[in-house]
Amino acid sequence: MTNERKPWLIGPVSPAAGGTFYQQIIDRLKREISEGRLKPGAALPSFRQLAEDLLVSVITVKRAYEELEREGIIFRRQGLGTFVAEQGLDRSREANIVTAKNLLREAFREAAEAGMPPAQMLELAREILNEKA
């Protein structure tokens, strides 16, 4: 019997995806946590393991994990590994809301620069929201 390891993947990182590799890792882990696929207490792969699975450097994964740890989304225990924090879901959602607000601000700024009045921006926002429903 072989001792085959099943890769732990959050999806490949790519230069075409936009953003740095470490930011892509951060964003994907936040999404997995905020959407409930990674629960509080869930173990994450080691730096080395995730780097191997995603074909990136260990330094890239370490940087992503450090940022997530700073935000209180994950935590590390010496000799045990890295885990999703109890408050990881809430913190991940909070971070997603901040990102969404910033993106909306940018979109509204672009629309205003294009000469779109606020009422038309709101209508466009409603239209986009209805597409999601």
Protein backbone atom coordinates (compact mmCIF):
# COMPACT_ATOMS: atom_id res chain seq x y z
CA MET A 1 0.00 0.00 0.00
CA THR A 2 1.42 3.38 -0.95
CA ASN A 3 1.23 6.33 1.36
CA GLU A 4 -0.16 8.76 -1.21
CA ARG A 5 -1.01 12.23 -0.06
CA LYS A 6 -4.06 13.95 -1.44
CA PRO A 7 -3.21 17.56 -2.36
CA TRP A 8 -5.01 20.26 -0.39
CA LEU A 9 -5.96 22.81 -2.98
CA ILE A 10 -7.72 26.15 -2.85
CA GLY A 11 -7.35 26.48 -6.58
CA PRO A 12 -4.27 27.34 -8.56
CA VAL A 13 -2.65 30.74 -8.31
CA SER A 14 -1.88 32.47 -11.55
CA PRO A 15 -0.18 35.61 -12.82
CA ALA A 16 -3.26 36.07 -15.03
CA ALA A 17 -5.60 36.15 -12.03
CA GLY A 18 -4.41 39.57 -10.94
CA GLY A 19 -2.76 40.40 -7.66
CA THR A 20 0.23 38.79 -6.08
CA PHE A 21 0.32 35.08 -5.38
CA TYR A 22 0.25 35.64 -1.63
CA GLN A 23 -2.81 37.93 -1.98
CA GLN A 24 -4.56 35.28 -4.10
CA ILE A 25 -3.91 32.75 -1.31
CA ILE A 26 -5.24 35.20 1.31
CA ASP A 27 -8.36 35.95 -0.73
CA ARG A 28 -9.12 32.28 -1.38
CA LEU A 29 -8.64 31.23 2.22
CA LYS A 30 -10.86 34.09 3.39
CA ARG A 31 -13.53 32.99 0.92
CA GLU A 32 -13.32 29.37 2.07
CA ILE A 33 -13.72 30.52 5.68
CA SER A 34 -16.46 33.09 5.06
CA GLU A 35 -18.47 30.60 2.99
CA GLY A 36 -18.17 27.99 5.75
CA ARG A 37 -16.09 25.41 3.91
CA LEU A 38 -13.28 25.91 6.44
CA LYS A 39 -14.67 25.85 9.97
CA PRO A 40 -13.13 27.26 13.16
CA GLY A 41 -10.44 24.89 14.40
CA ALA A 42 -9.86 23.37 10.95
CA ALA A 43 -6.21 22.55 10.33
CA LEU A 44 -4.51 24.22 7.39
CA PRO A 45 -1.62 22.68 5.48
CA SER A 46 1.93 23.54 6.46
CA PHE A 47 3.76 26.30 4.59
CA ARG A 48 5.77 23.71 2.73
CA GLN A 49 2.77 21.54 1.87
CA LEU A 50 0.63 24.38 0.51
CA ALA A 51 3.58 25.82 -1.40
CA GLU A 52 4.12 22.43 -3.03
CA ASP A 53 0.41 22.05 -3.86
CA LEU A 54 0.14 25.54 -5.36
CA LEU A 55 3.58 25.52 -6.99
CA VAL A 56 4.70 28.69 -5.21
CA SER A 57 7.54 29.43 -2.82
CA VAL A 58 7.33 28.69 0.90
CA ILE A 59 7.97 32.41 1.48
CA THR A 60 4.80 33.25 -0.48
CA VAL A 61 2.66 30.95 1.69
CA LYS A 62 4.38 32.16 4.87
CA ARG A 63 3.59 35.77 3.97
CA ALA A 64 -0.08 34.91 3.29
CA TYR A 65 -0.40 33.01 6.58
CA GLU A 66 1.28 35.83 8.50
CA GLU A 67 -1.19 38.36 7.08
CA LEU A 68 -4.16 36.13 7.93
CA GLU A 69 -2.76 35.62 11.42
CA ARG A 70 -2.34 39.40 11.88
CA GLU A 71 -6.00 39.81 10.93
CA GLY A 72 -7.03 37.18 13.51
CA ILE A 73 -8.42 34.82 10.87
CA ILE A 74 -5.99 31.97 11.55
CA PHE A 75 -3.57 31.09 14.35
CA ARG A 76 -0.44 28.98 14.67
CA ARG A 77 0.57 26.64 17.47
CA GLN A 78 4.23 25.70 17.67
CA GLY A 79 4.61 22.02 16.86
CA LEU A 80 0.91 21.55 16.10
CA GLY A 81 0.26 23.58 12.95
CA THR A 82 -1.95 26.35 11.63
CA PHE A 83 -5.69 26.51 12.24
CA VAL A 84 -8.76 28.61 11.47
CA ALA A 85 -9.41 30.90 14.45
CA GLU A 86 -12.72 30.76 16.33
CA GLN A 87 -13.42 34.33 15.22
CA GLY A 88 -12.03 33.58 11.74
CA LEU A 89 -15.46 33.49 10.12
CA ASP A 90 -16.46 36.89 11.50
CA ARG A 91 -13.08 38.47 10.75
CA SER A 92 -13.07 37.02 7.25
CA ARG A 93 -16.54 38.41 6.58
CA GLU A 94 -15.53 41.80 7.99
CA ALA A 95 -12.51 41.85 5.68
CA ASN A 96 -14.72 40.92 2.72
CA ILE A 97 -17.10 43.78 3.55
CA VAL A 98 -14.22 46.26 3.70
CA THR A 99 -12.97 45.01 0.33
CA ALA A 100 -16.46 45.24 -1.17
CA LYS A 101 -16.88 48.83 0.10
CA ASN A 102 -13.55 49.83 -1.40
CA LEU A 103 -14.45 48.27 -4.74
CA LEU A 104 -17.84 50.00 -4.74
CA ARG A 105 -16.20 53.34 -3.94
CA GLU A 106 -13.84 52.85 -6.86
CA ALA A 107 -16.69 51.86 -9.18
CA PHE A 108 -18.81 54.86 -8.15
CA ARG A 109 -15.81 57.16 -8.57
CA GLU A 110 -15.28 55.80 -12.10
CA ALA A 111 -18.98 56.21 -12.89
CA ALA A 112 -18.94 59.80 -11.62
CA GLU A 113 -15.87 60.56 -13.73
CA ALA A 114 -17.76 59.16 -16.73
CA GLY A 115 -20.53 61.68 -16.01
CA MET A 116 -23.08 59.26 -14.58
CA PRO A 117 -25.46 60.95 -12.10
CA PRO A 118 -26.02 59.33 -8.67
CA ALA A 119 -29.57 58.22 -9.54
CA GLN A 120 -28.27 56.34 -12.57
CA MET A 121 -25.53 54.75 -10.43
CA LEU A 122 -28.15 53.50 -7.97
CA GLU A 123 -30.25 52.10 -10.79
CA LEU A 124 -27.21 50.32 -12.20
CA ALA A 125 -26.40 48.92 -8.74
CA ARG A 126 -30.00 47.62 -8.42
CA GLU A 127 -29.75 46.04 -11.87
CA ILE A 128 -26.53 44.28 -10.94
CA LEU A 129 -27.97 43.09 -7.62
CA ASN A 130 -31.01 41.68 -9.40
CA GLU A 131 -28.73 39.73 -11.75
CA LYS A 132 -27.31 37.93 -8.69
CA ALA A 133 -30.81 37.01 -7.47
